[in-house]
Amino acid sequence: MADPFWLTWWIWLAAALALAILEVALPGFIFLGFAIGAAITGLLLVIPGFVPSLSFLLLIFAVLSLVAWLILRRMFARPHGQVKTFEHDIND
């Protein structure tokens, strides 16, 4: 019997690639966290004998995506209290 499609590792990696491309089109580090979570989930499915249920697999994906998003936010955030100001207008 064939495995369900959510246990296929390359589908998770393809979804990670699609989410990364979506991040390029709509920047904001939202989809990049999901892309990292999907990529790591896909890599976990490559491990022989690792056959989780759908609910556990989605939990792994959600936790990994949240951790990736928090790390990205910490890495690329402005220093606390700093506000971006513009000195010149684009039309000047």
PDB file of N, CA and C in Angstrom:
ATOM      1  N   MET A   1       0.842  -1.184   0.000  1.00  0.00           N
ATOM      2  CA  MET A   1       0.000   0.000   0.000  1.00  0.00           C
ATOM      3  C   MET A   1       0.885   1.245   0.000  1.00  0.00           C
ATOM      4  N   ALA A   2       0.524   2.213  -0.799  1.00  0.00           N
ATOM      5  CA  ALA A   2       1.319   3.438  -0.918  1.00  0.00           C
ATOM      6  C   ALA A   2       1.055   4.363   0.272  1.00  0.00           C
ATOM      7  N   ASP A   3       2.078   5.128   0.613  1.00  0.00           N
ATOM      8  CA  ASP A   3       1.927   6.102   1.690  1.00  0.00           C
ATOM      9  C   ASP A   3       1.010   7.237   1.256  1.00  0.00           C
ATOM     10  N   PRO A   4       0.311   7.854   2.195  1.00  0.00           N
ATOM     11  CA  PRO A   4      -0.489   9.039   1.856  1.00  0.00           C
ATOM     12  C   PRO A   4       0.417  10.149   1.346  1.00  0.00           C
ATOM     13  N   PHE A   5      -0.144  11.062   0.575  1.00  0.00           N
ATOM     14  CA  PHE A   5       0.671  12.097  -0.064  1.00  0.00           C
ATOM     15  C   PHE A   5       1.373  12.998   0.946  1.00  0.00           C
ATOM     16  N   TRP A   6       0.827  13.181   2.157  1.00  0.00           N
ATOM     17  CA  TRP A   6       1.480  14.070   3.116  1.00  0.00           C
ATOM     18  C   TRP A   6       2.731  13.453   3.728  1.00  0.00           C
ATOM     19  N   LEU A   7       2.972  12.178   3.482  1.00  0.00           N
ATOM     20  CA  LEU A   7       4.194  11.533   3.953  1.00  0.00           C
ATOM     21  C   LEU A   7       5.279  11.497   2.875  1.00  0.00           C
ATOM     22  N   THR A   8       5.028  12.120   1.742  1.00  0.00           N
ATOM     23  CA  THR A   8       5.998  12.173   0.661  1.00  0.00           C
ATOM     24  C   THR A   8       6.897  13.386   0.872  1.00  0.00           C
ATOM     25  N   TRP A   9       8.184  13.144   1.060  1.00  0.00           N
ATOM     26  CA  TRP A   9       9.118  14.204   1.432  1.00  0.00           C
ATOM     27  C   TRP A   9       9.242  15.276   0.364  1.00  0.00           C
ATOM     28  N   TRP A  10       9.225  14.892  -0.910  1.00  0.00           N
ATOM     29  CA  TRP A  10       9.448  15.889  -1.954  1.00  0.00           C
ATOM     30  C   TRP A  10       8.256  16.837  -2.108  1.00  0.00           C
ATOM     31  N   ILE A  11       7.085  16.416  -1.690  1.00  0.00           N
ATOM     32  CA  ILE A  11       5.932  17.330  -1.734  1.00  0.00           C
ATOM     33  C   ILE A  11       6.140  18.457  -0.725  1.00  0.00           C
ATOM     34  N   TRP A  12       6.669  18.121   0.457  1.00  0.00           N
ATOM     35  CA  TRP A  12       6.957  19.154   1.455  1.00  0.00           C
ATOM     36  C   TRP A  12       8.039  20.099   0.968  1.00  0.00           C
ATOM     37  N   LEU A  13       9.063  19.553   0.286  1.00  0.00           N
ATOM     38  CA  LEU A  13      10.129  20.414  -0.231  1.00  0.00           C
ATOM     39  C   LEU A  13       9.623  21.278  -1.389  1.00  0.00           C
ATOM     40  N   ALA A  14       8.724  20.761  -2.201  1.00  0.00           N
ATOM     41  CA  ALA A  14       8.129  21.570  -3.266  1.00  0.00           C
ATOM     42  C   ALA A  14       7.264  22.687  -2.677  1.00  0.00           C
ATOM     43  N   ALA A  15       6.541  22.374  -1.607  1.00  0.00           N
ATOM     44  CA  ALA A  15       5.748  23.404  -0.929  1.00  0.00           C
ATOM     45  C   ALA A  15       6.658  24.462  -0.313  1.00  0.00           C
ATOM     46  N   ALA A  16       7.806  24.034   0.220  1.00  0.00           N
ATOM     47  CA  ALA A  16       8.768  24.986   0.774  1.00  0.00           C
ATOM     48  C   ALA A  16       9.290  25.912  -0.313  1.00  0.00           C
ATOM     49  N   LEU A  17       9.583  25.355  -1.480  1.00  0.00           N
ATOM     50  CA  LEU A  17      10.043  26.177  -2.598  1.00  0.00           C
ATOM     51  C   LEU A  17       8.960  27.161  -3.047  1.00  0.00           C
ATOM     52  N   ALA A  18       7.721  26.699  -3.129  1.00  0.00           N
ATOM     53  CA  ALA A  18       6.613  27.582  -3.518  1.00  0.00           C
ATOM     54  C   ALA A  18       6.425  28.702  -2.500  1.00  0.00           C
ATOM     55  N   LEU A  19       6.533  28.387  -1.223  1.00  0.00           N
ATOM     56  CA  LEU A  19       6.399  29.421  -0.190  1.00  0.00           C
ATOM     57  C   LEU A  19       7.565  30.397  -0.220  1.00  0.00           C
ATOM     58  N   ALA A  20       8.759  29.913  -0.523  1.00  0.00           N
ATOM     59  CA  ALA A  20       9.909  30.811  -0.635  1.00  0.00           C
ATOM     60  C   ALA A  20       9.747  31.745  -1.826  1.00  0.00           C
ATOM     61  N   ILE A  21       9.226  31.248  -2.931  1.00  0.00           N
ATOM     62  CA  ILE A  21       8.963  32.107  -4.094  1.00  0.00           C
ATOM     63  C   ILE A  21       7.883  33.119  -3.756  1.00  0.00           C
ATOM     64  N   LEU A  22       6.876  32.708  -3.030  1.00  0.00           N
ATOM     65  CA  LEU A  22       5.819  33.628  -2.600  1.00  0.00           C
ATOM     66  C   LEU A  22       6.384  34.707  -1.688  1.00  0.00           C
ATOM     67  N   GLU A  23       7.368  34.360  -0.869  1.00  0.00           N
ATOM     68  CA  GLU A  23       8.014  35.346  -0.001  1.00  0.00           C
ATOM     69  C   GLU A  23       8.741  36.403  -0.829  1.00  0.00           C
ATOM     70  N   VAL A  24       9.321  36.001  -1.936  1.00  0.00           N
ATOM     71  CA  VAL A  24      10.001  36.963  -2.801  1.00  0.00           C
ATOM     72  C   VAL A  24       8.978  37.919  -3.412  1.00  0.00           C
ATOM     73  N   ALA A  25       7.817  37.401  -3.780  1.00  0.00           N
ATOM     74  CA  ALA A  25       6.777  38.236  -4.380  1.00  0.00           C
ATOM     75  C   ALA A  25       6.096  39.139  -3.351  1.00  0.00           C
ATOM     76  N   LEU A  26       5.931  38.643  -2.121  1.00  0.00           N
ATOM     77  CA  LEU A  26       5.273  39.390  -1.053  1.00  0.00           C
ATOM     78  C   LEU A  26       6.166  39.395   0.186  1.00  0.00           C
ATOM     79  N   PRO A  27       7.216  40.241   0.186  1.00  0.00           N
ATOM     80  CA  PRO A  27       8.175  40.189   1.301  1.00  0.00           C
ATOM     81  C   PRO A  27       7.555  40.606   2.629  1.00  0.00           C
ATOM     82  N   GLY A  28       8.129  40.093   3.698  1.00  0.00           N
ATOM     83  CA  GLY A  28       7.658  40.425   5.029  1.00  0.00           C
ATOM     84  C   GLY A  28       8.029  39.374   6.041  1.00  0.00           C
ATOM     85  N   PHE A  29       8.777  38.360   5.648  1.00  0.00           N
ATOM     86  CA  PHE A  29       9.222  37.260   6.507  1.00  0.00           C
ATOM     87  C   PHE A  29       8.062  36.450   7.069  1.00  0.00           C
ATOM     88  N   ILE A  30       6.909  36.488   6.435  1.00  0.00           N
ATOM     89  CA  ILE A  30       5.786  35.659   6.874  1.00  0.00           C
ATOM     90  C   ILE A  30       5.879  34.289   6.212  1.00  0.00           C
ATOM     91  N   PHE A  31       5.943  34.268   4.895  1.00  0.00           N
ATOM     92  CA  PHE A  31       5.983  33.009   4.167  1.00  0.00           C
ATOM     93  C   PHE A  31       7.333  32.312   4.308  1.00  0.00           C
ATOM     94  N   LEU A  32       8.388  33.068   4.607  1.00  0.00           N
ATOM     95  CA  LEU A  32       9.706  32.455   4.755  1.00  0.00           C
ATOM     96  C   LEU A  32       9.747  31.531   5.968  1.00  0.00           C
ATOM     97  N   GLY A  33       9.077  31.894   7.038  1.00  0.00           N
ATOM     98  CA  GLY A  33       8.996  31.005   8.203  1.00  0.00           C
ATOM     99  C   GLY A  33       8.275  29.718   7.867  1.00  0.00           C
ATOM    100  N   PHE A  34       7.187  29.817   7.110  1.00  0.00           N
ATOM    101  CA  PHE A  34       6.473  28.619   6.677  1.00  0.00           C
ATOM    102  C   PHE A  34       7.321  27.789   5.726  1.00  0.00           C
ATOM    103  N   ALA A  35       8.091  28.448   4.860  1.00  0.00           N
ATOM    104  CA  ALA A  35       8.959  27.730   3.921  1.00  0.00           C
ATOM    105  C   ALA A  35      10.035  26.953   4.667  1.00  0.00           C
ATOM    106  N   ILE A  36      10.621  27.568   5.676  1.00  0.00           N
ATOM    107  CA  ILE A  36      11.643  26.883   6.464  1.00  0.00           C
ATOM    108  C   ILE A  36      11.025  25.702   7.213  1.00  0.00           C
ATOM    109  N   GLY A  37       9.837  25.904   7.779  1.00  0.00           N
ATOM    110  CA  GLY A  37       9.149  24.817   8.475  1.00  0.00           C
ATOM    111  C   GLY A  37       8.818  23.659   7.548  1.00  0.00           C
ATOM    112  N   ALA A  38       8.362  23.969   6.334  1.00  0.00           N
ATOM    113  CA  ALA A  38       8.042  22.910   5.373  1.00  0.00           C
ATOM    114  C   ALA A  38       9.308  22.184   4.915  1.00  0.00           C
ATOM    115  N   ALA A  39      10.403  22.922   4.733  1.00  0.00           N
ATOM    116  CA  ALA A  39      11.651  22.295   4.298  1.00  0.00           C
ATOM    117  C   ALA A  39      12.187  21.343   5.368  1.00  0.00           C
ATOM    118  N   ILE A  40      12.170  21.776   6.608  1.00  0.00           N
ATOM    119  CA  ILE A  40      12.662  20.899   7.679  1.00  0.00           C
ATOM    120  C   ILE A  40      11.741  19.691   7.857  1.00  0.00           C
ATOM    121  N   THR A  41      10.442  19.899   7.716  1.00  0.00           N
ATOM    122  CA  THR A  41       9.495  18.776   7.797  1.00  0.00           C
ATOM    123  C   THR A  41       9.765  17.779   6.681  1.00  0.00           C
ATOM    124  N   GLY A  42      10.008  18.285   5.477  1.00  0.00           N
ATOM    125  CA  GLY A  42      10.344  17.394   4.366  1.00  0.00           C
ATOM    126  C   GLY A  42      11.621  16.623   4.610  1.00  0.00           C
ATOM    127  N   LEU A  43      12.608  17.287   5.196  1.00  0.00           N
ATOM    128  CA  LEU A  43      13.871  16.599   5.492  1.00  0.00           C
ATOM    129  C   LEU A  43      13.688  15.559   6.600  1.00  0.00           C
ATOM    130  N   LEU A  44      12.799  15.817   7.536  1.00  0.00           N
ATOM    131  CA  LEU A  44      12.515  14.817   8.577  1.00  0.00           C
ATOM    132  C   LEU A  44      11.865  13.564   7.985  1.00  0.00           C
ATOM    133  N   LEU A  45      11.064  13.749   6.938  1.00  0.00           N
ATOM    134  CA  LEU A  45      10.389  12.610   6.327  1.00  0.00           C
ATOM    135  C   LEU A  45      11.344  11.717   5.532  1.00  0.00           C
ATOM    136  N   VAL A  46      12.548  12.218   5.255  1.00  0.00           N
ATOM    137  CA  VAL A  46      13.540  11.407   4.556  1.00  0.00           C
ATOM    138  C   VAL A  46      14.099  10.324   5.479  1.00  0.00           C
ATOM    139  N   ILE A  47      14.033  10.559   6.780  1.00  0.00           N
ATOM    140  CA  ILE A  47      14.553   9.600   7.759  1.00  0.00           C
ATOM    141  C   ILE A  47      13.776   8.286   7.637  1.00  0.00           C
ATOM    142  N   PRO A  48      14.488   7.185   7.411  1.00  0.00           N
ATOM    143  CA  PRO A  48      13.787   5.888   7.283  1.00  0.00           C
ATOM    144  C   PRO A  48      13.072   5.507   8.584  1.00  0.00           C
ATOM    145  N   GLY A  49      11.863   5.036   8.454  1.00  0.00           N
ATOM    146  CA  GLY A  49      11.096   4.585   9.612  1.00  0.00           C
ATOM    147  C   GLY A  49      10.309   5.681  10.308  1.00  0.00           C
ATOM    148  N   PHE A  50      10.472   6.935   9.889  1.00  0.00           N
ATOM    149  CA  PHE A  50       9.731   8.043  10.497  1.00  0.00           C
ATOM    150  C   PHE A  50       8.410   8.179   9.753  1.00  0.00           C
ATOM    151  N   VAL A  51       7.342   7.673  10.343  1.00  0.00           N
ATOM    152  CA  VAL A  51       6.019   7.687   9.713  1.00  0.00           C
ATOM    153  C   VAL A  51       5.010   8.239  10.720  1.00  0.00           C
ATOM    154  N   PRO A  52       4.926   9.577  10.842  1.00  0.00           N
ATOM    155  CA  PRO A  52       3.994  10.156  11.808  1.00  0.00           C
ATOM    156  C   PRO A  52       2.571  10.217  11.252  1.00  0.00           C
ATOM    157  N   SER A  53       1.622  10.420  12.143  1.00  0.00           N
ATOM    158  CA  SER A  53       0.244  10.634  11.709  1.00  0.00           C
ATOM    159  C   SER A  53       0.129  12.046  11.139  1.00  0.00           C
ATOM    160  N   LEU A  54      -0.960  12.307  10.441  1.00  0.00           N
ATOM    161  CA  LEU A  54      -1.148  13.624   9.836  1.00  0.00           C
ATOM    162  C   LEU A  54      -1.183  14.711  10.900  1.00  0.00           C
ATOM    163  N   SER A  55      -1.872  14.486  12.002  1.00  0.00           N
ATOM    164  CA  SER A  55      -1.969  15.514  13.037  1.00  0.00           C
ATOM    165  C   SER A  55      -0.605  15.802  13.665  1.00  0.00           C
ATOM    166  N   PHE A  56       0.204  14.772  13.905  1.00  0.00           N
ATOM    167  CA  PHE A  56       1.534  14.980  14.469  1.00  0.00           C
ATOM    168  C   PHE A  56       2.446  15.675  13.463  1.00  0.00           C
ATOM    169  N   LEU A  57       2.322  15.337  12.191  1.00  0.00           N
ATOM    170  CA  LEU A  57       3.124  15.971  11.153  1.00  0.00           C
ATOM    171  C   LEU A  57       2.782  17.457  11.030  1.00  0.00           C
ATOM    172  N   LEU A  58       1.505  17.784  11.105  1.00  0.00           N
ATOM    173  CA  LEU A  58       1.096  19.188  11.058  1.00  0.00           C
ATOM    174  C   LEU A  58       1.551  19.942  12.305  1.00  0.00           C
ATOM    175  N   LEU A  59       1.573  19.270  13.438  1.00  0.00           N
ATOM    176  CA  LEU A  59       2.091  19.885  14.657  1.00  0.00           C
ATOM    177  C   LEU A  59       3.586  20.182  14.515  1.00  0.00           C
ATOM    178  N   ILE A  60       4.331  19.235  13.969  1.00  0.00           N
ATOM    179  CA  ILE A  60       5.761  19.458  13.730  1.00  0.00           C
ATOM    180  C   ILE A  60       5.961  20.646  12.801  1.00  0.00           C
ATOM    181  N   PHE A  61       5.198  20.699  11.710  1.00  0.00           N
ATOM    182  CA  PHE A  61       5.291  21.796  10.749  1.00  0.00           C
ATOM    183  C   PHE A  61       4.969  23.132  11.417  1.00  0.00           C
ATOM    184  N   ALA A  62       3.925  23.176  12.227  1.00  0.00           N
ATOM    185  CA  ALA A  62       3.526  24.422  12.882  1.00  0.00           C
ATOM    186  C   ALA A  62       4.587  24.899  13.869  1.00  0.00           C
ATOM    187  N   VAL A  63       5.114  23.986  14.661  1.00  0.00           N
ATOM    188  CA  VAL A  63       6.132  24.364  15.651  1.00  0.00           C
ATOM    189  C   VAL A  63       7.406  24.827  14.958  1.00  0.00           C
ATOM    190  N   LEU A  64       7.849  24.095  13.935  1.00  0.00           N
ATOM    191  CA  LEU A  64       9.053  24.492  13.208  1.00  0.00           C
ATOM    192  C   LEU A  64       8.869  25.838  12.511  1.00  0.00           C
ATOM    193  N   SER A  65       7.698  26.083  11.956  1.00  0.00           N
ATOM    194  CA  SER A  65       7.427  27.359  11.292  1.00  0.00           C
ATOM    195  C   SER A  65       7.438  28.507  12.298  1.00  0.00           C
ATOM    196  N   LEU A  66       6.849  28.290  13.458  1.00  0.00           N
ATOM    197  CA  LEU A  66       6.838  29.324  14.487  1.00  0.00           C
ATOM    198  C   LEU A  66       8.248  29.624  14.977  1.00  0.00           C
ATOM    199  N   VAL A  67       9.029  28.599  15.226  1.00  0.00           N
ATOM    200  CA  VAL A  67      10.405  28.803  15.682  1.00  0.00           C
ATOM    201  C   VAL A  67      11.215  29.535  14.613  1.00  0.00           C
ATOM    202  N   ALA A  68      11.053  29.140  13.349  1.00  0.00           N
ATOM    203  CA  ALA A  68      11.768  29.813  12.257  1.00  0.00           C
ATOM    204  C   ALA A  68      11.357  31.277  12.168  1.00  0.00           C
ATOM    205  N   TRP A  69      10.058  31.558  12.291  1.00  0.00           N
ATOM    206  CA  TRP A  69       9.586  32.939  12.220  1.00  0.00           C
ATOM    207  C   TRP A  69      10.136  33.769  13.380  1.00  0.00           C
ATOM    208  N   LEU A  70      10.160  33.207  14.575  1.00  0.00           N
ATOM    209  CA  LEU A  70      10.695  33.938  15.728  1.00  0.00           C
ATOM    210  C   LEU A  70      12.188  34.222  15.561  1.00  0.00           C
ATOM    211  N   ILE A  71      12.928  33.257  15.036  1.00  0.00           N
ATOM    212  CA  ILE A  71      14.359  33.475  14.799  1.00  0.00           C
ATOM    213  C   ILE A  71      14.566  34.549  13.731  1.00  0.00           C
ATOM    214  N   LEU A  72      13.790  34.488  12.652  1.00  0.00           N
ATOM    215  CA  LEU A  72      13.897  35.507  11.607  1.00  0.00           C
ATOM    216  C   LEU A  72      13.550  36.889  12.148  1.00  0.00           C
ATOM    217  N   ARG A  73      12.530  36.952  12.972  1.00  0.00           N
ATOM    218  CA  ARG A  73      12.127  38.238  13.533  1.00  0.00           C
ATOM    219  C   ARG A  73      13.223  38.816  14.418  1.00  0.00           C
ATOM    220  N   ARG A  74      13.859  37.960  15.211  1.00  0.00           N
ATOM    221  CA  ARG A  74      14.944  38.424  16.080  1.00  0.00           C
ATOM    222  C   ARG A  74      16.161  38.855  15.255  1.00  0.00           C
ATOM    223  N   MET A  75      16.456  38.110  14.191  1.00  0.00           N
ATOM    224  CA  MET A  75      17.636  38.419  13.384  1.00  0.00           C
ATOM    225  C   MET A  75      17.483  39.709  12.591  1.00  0.00           C
ATOM    226  N   PHE A  76      16.302  39.959  12.046  1.00  0.00           N
ATOM    227  CA  PHE A  76      16.115  41.079  11.131  1.00  0.00           C
ATOM    228  C   PHE A  76      15.315  42.239  11.708  1.00  0.00           C
ATOM    229  N   ALA A  77      15.045  42.231  12.983  1.00  0.00           N
ATOM    230  CA  ALA A  77      14.273  43.310  13.606  1.00  0.00           C
ATOM    231  C   ALA A  77      15.157  44.542  13.823  1.00  0.00           C
ATOM    232  N   ARG A  78      14.514  45.671  13.874  1.00  0.00           N
ATOM    233  CA  ARG A  78      15.227  46.902  14.221  1.00  0.00           C
ATOM    234  C   ARG A  78      15.560  46.872  15.706  1.00  0.00           C
ATOM    235  N   PRO A  79      16.618  47.551  16.084  1.00  0.00           N
ATOM    236  CA  PRO A  79      16.897  47.662  17.520  1.00  0.00           C
ATOM    237  C   PRO A  79      15.711  48.293  18.244  1.00  0.00           C
ATOM    238  N   HIS A  80      15.516  47.891  19.490  1.00  0.00           N
ATOM    239  CA  HIS A  80      14.360  48.339  20.271  1.00  0.00           C
ATOM    240  C   HIS A  80      14.302  49.861  20.346  1.00  0.00           C
ATOM    241  N   GLY A  81      13.165  50.416  20.017  1.00  0.00           N
ATOM    242  CA  GLY A  81      12.947  51.859  20.112  1.00  0.00           C
ATOM    243  C   GLY A  81      13.379  52.633  18.885  1.00  0.00           C
ATOM    244  N   GLN A  82      14.000  51.975  17.925  1.00  0.00           N
ATOM    245  CA  GLN A  82      14.454  52.687  16.728  1.00  0.00           C
ATOM    246  C   GLN A  82      13.312  52.781  15.728  1.00  0.00           C
ATOM    247  N   VAL A  83      13.137  53.987  15.197  1.00  0.00           N
ATOM    248  CA  VAL A  83      12.084  54.237  14.234  1.00  0.00           C
ATOM    249  C   VAL A  83      12.728  54.664  12.930  1.00  0.00           C
ATOM    250  N   LYS A  84      12.226  54.163  11.822  1.00  0.00           N
ATOM    251  CA  LYS A  84      12.776  54.530  10.529  1.00  0.00           C
ATOM    252  C   LYS A  84      12.236  55.901  10.135  1.00  0.00           C
ATOM    253  N   THR A  85      13.141  56.810   9.828  1.00  0.00           N
ATOM    254  CA  THR A  85      12.756  58.142   9.366  1.00  0.00           C
ATOM    255  C   THR A  85      13.362  58.376   7.994  1.00  0.00           C
ATOM    256  N   PHE A  86      12.699  59.206   7.220  1.00  0.00           N
ATOM    257  CA  PHE A  86      13.170  59.518   5.879  1.00  0.00           C
ATOM    258  C   PHE A  86      13.599  60.974   5.855  1.00  0.00           C
ATOM    259  N   GLU A  87      14.823  61.220   5.399  1.00  0.00           N
ATOM    260  CA  GLU A  87      15.365  62.571   5.331  1.00  0.00           C
ATOM    261  C   GLU A  87      15.052  63.235   4.006  1.00  0.00           C
ATOM    262  N   HIS A  88      14.937  62.451   2.958  1.00  0.00           N
ATOM    263  CA  HIS A  88      14.712  63.019   1.627  1.00  0.00           C
ATOM    264  C   HIS A  88      13.487  62.398   1.003  1.00  0.00           C
ATOM    265  N   ASP A  89      12.781  63.222   0.265  1.00  0.00           N
ATOM    266  CA  ASP A  89      11.621  62.744  -0.477  1.00  0.00           C
ATOM    267  C   ASP A  89      12.098  62.154  -1.793  1.00  0.00           C
ATOM    268  N   ILE A  90      11.408  61.181  -2.282  1.00  0.00           N
ATOM    269  CA  ILE A  90      11.798  60.552  -3.539  1.00  0.00           C
ATOM    270  C   ILE A  90      11.666  61.533  -4.707  1.00  0.00           C
ATOM    271  N   ASN A  91      10.827  62.524  -4.570  1.00  0.00           N
ATOM    272  CA  ASN A  91      10.601  63.487  -5.641  1.00  0.00           C
ATOM    273  C   ASN A  91      11.574  64.660  -5.619  1.00  0.00           C
ATOM    274  N   ASP A  92      12.457  64.730  -4.622  1.00  0.00           N
ATOM    275  CA  ASP A  92      13.416  65.849  -4.569  1.00  0.00           C
ATOM    276  C   ASP A  92      14.524  65.684  -5.558  1.00  0.00           C
TER     277      ASP A  92
END
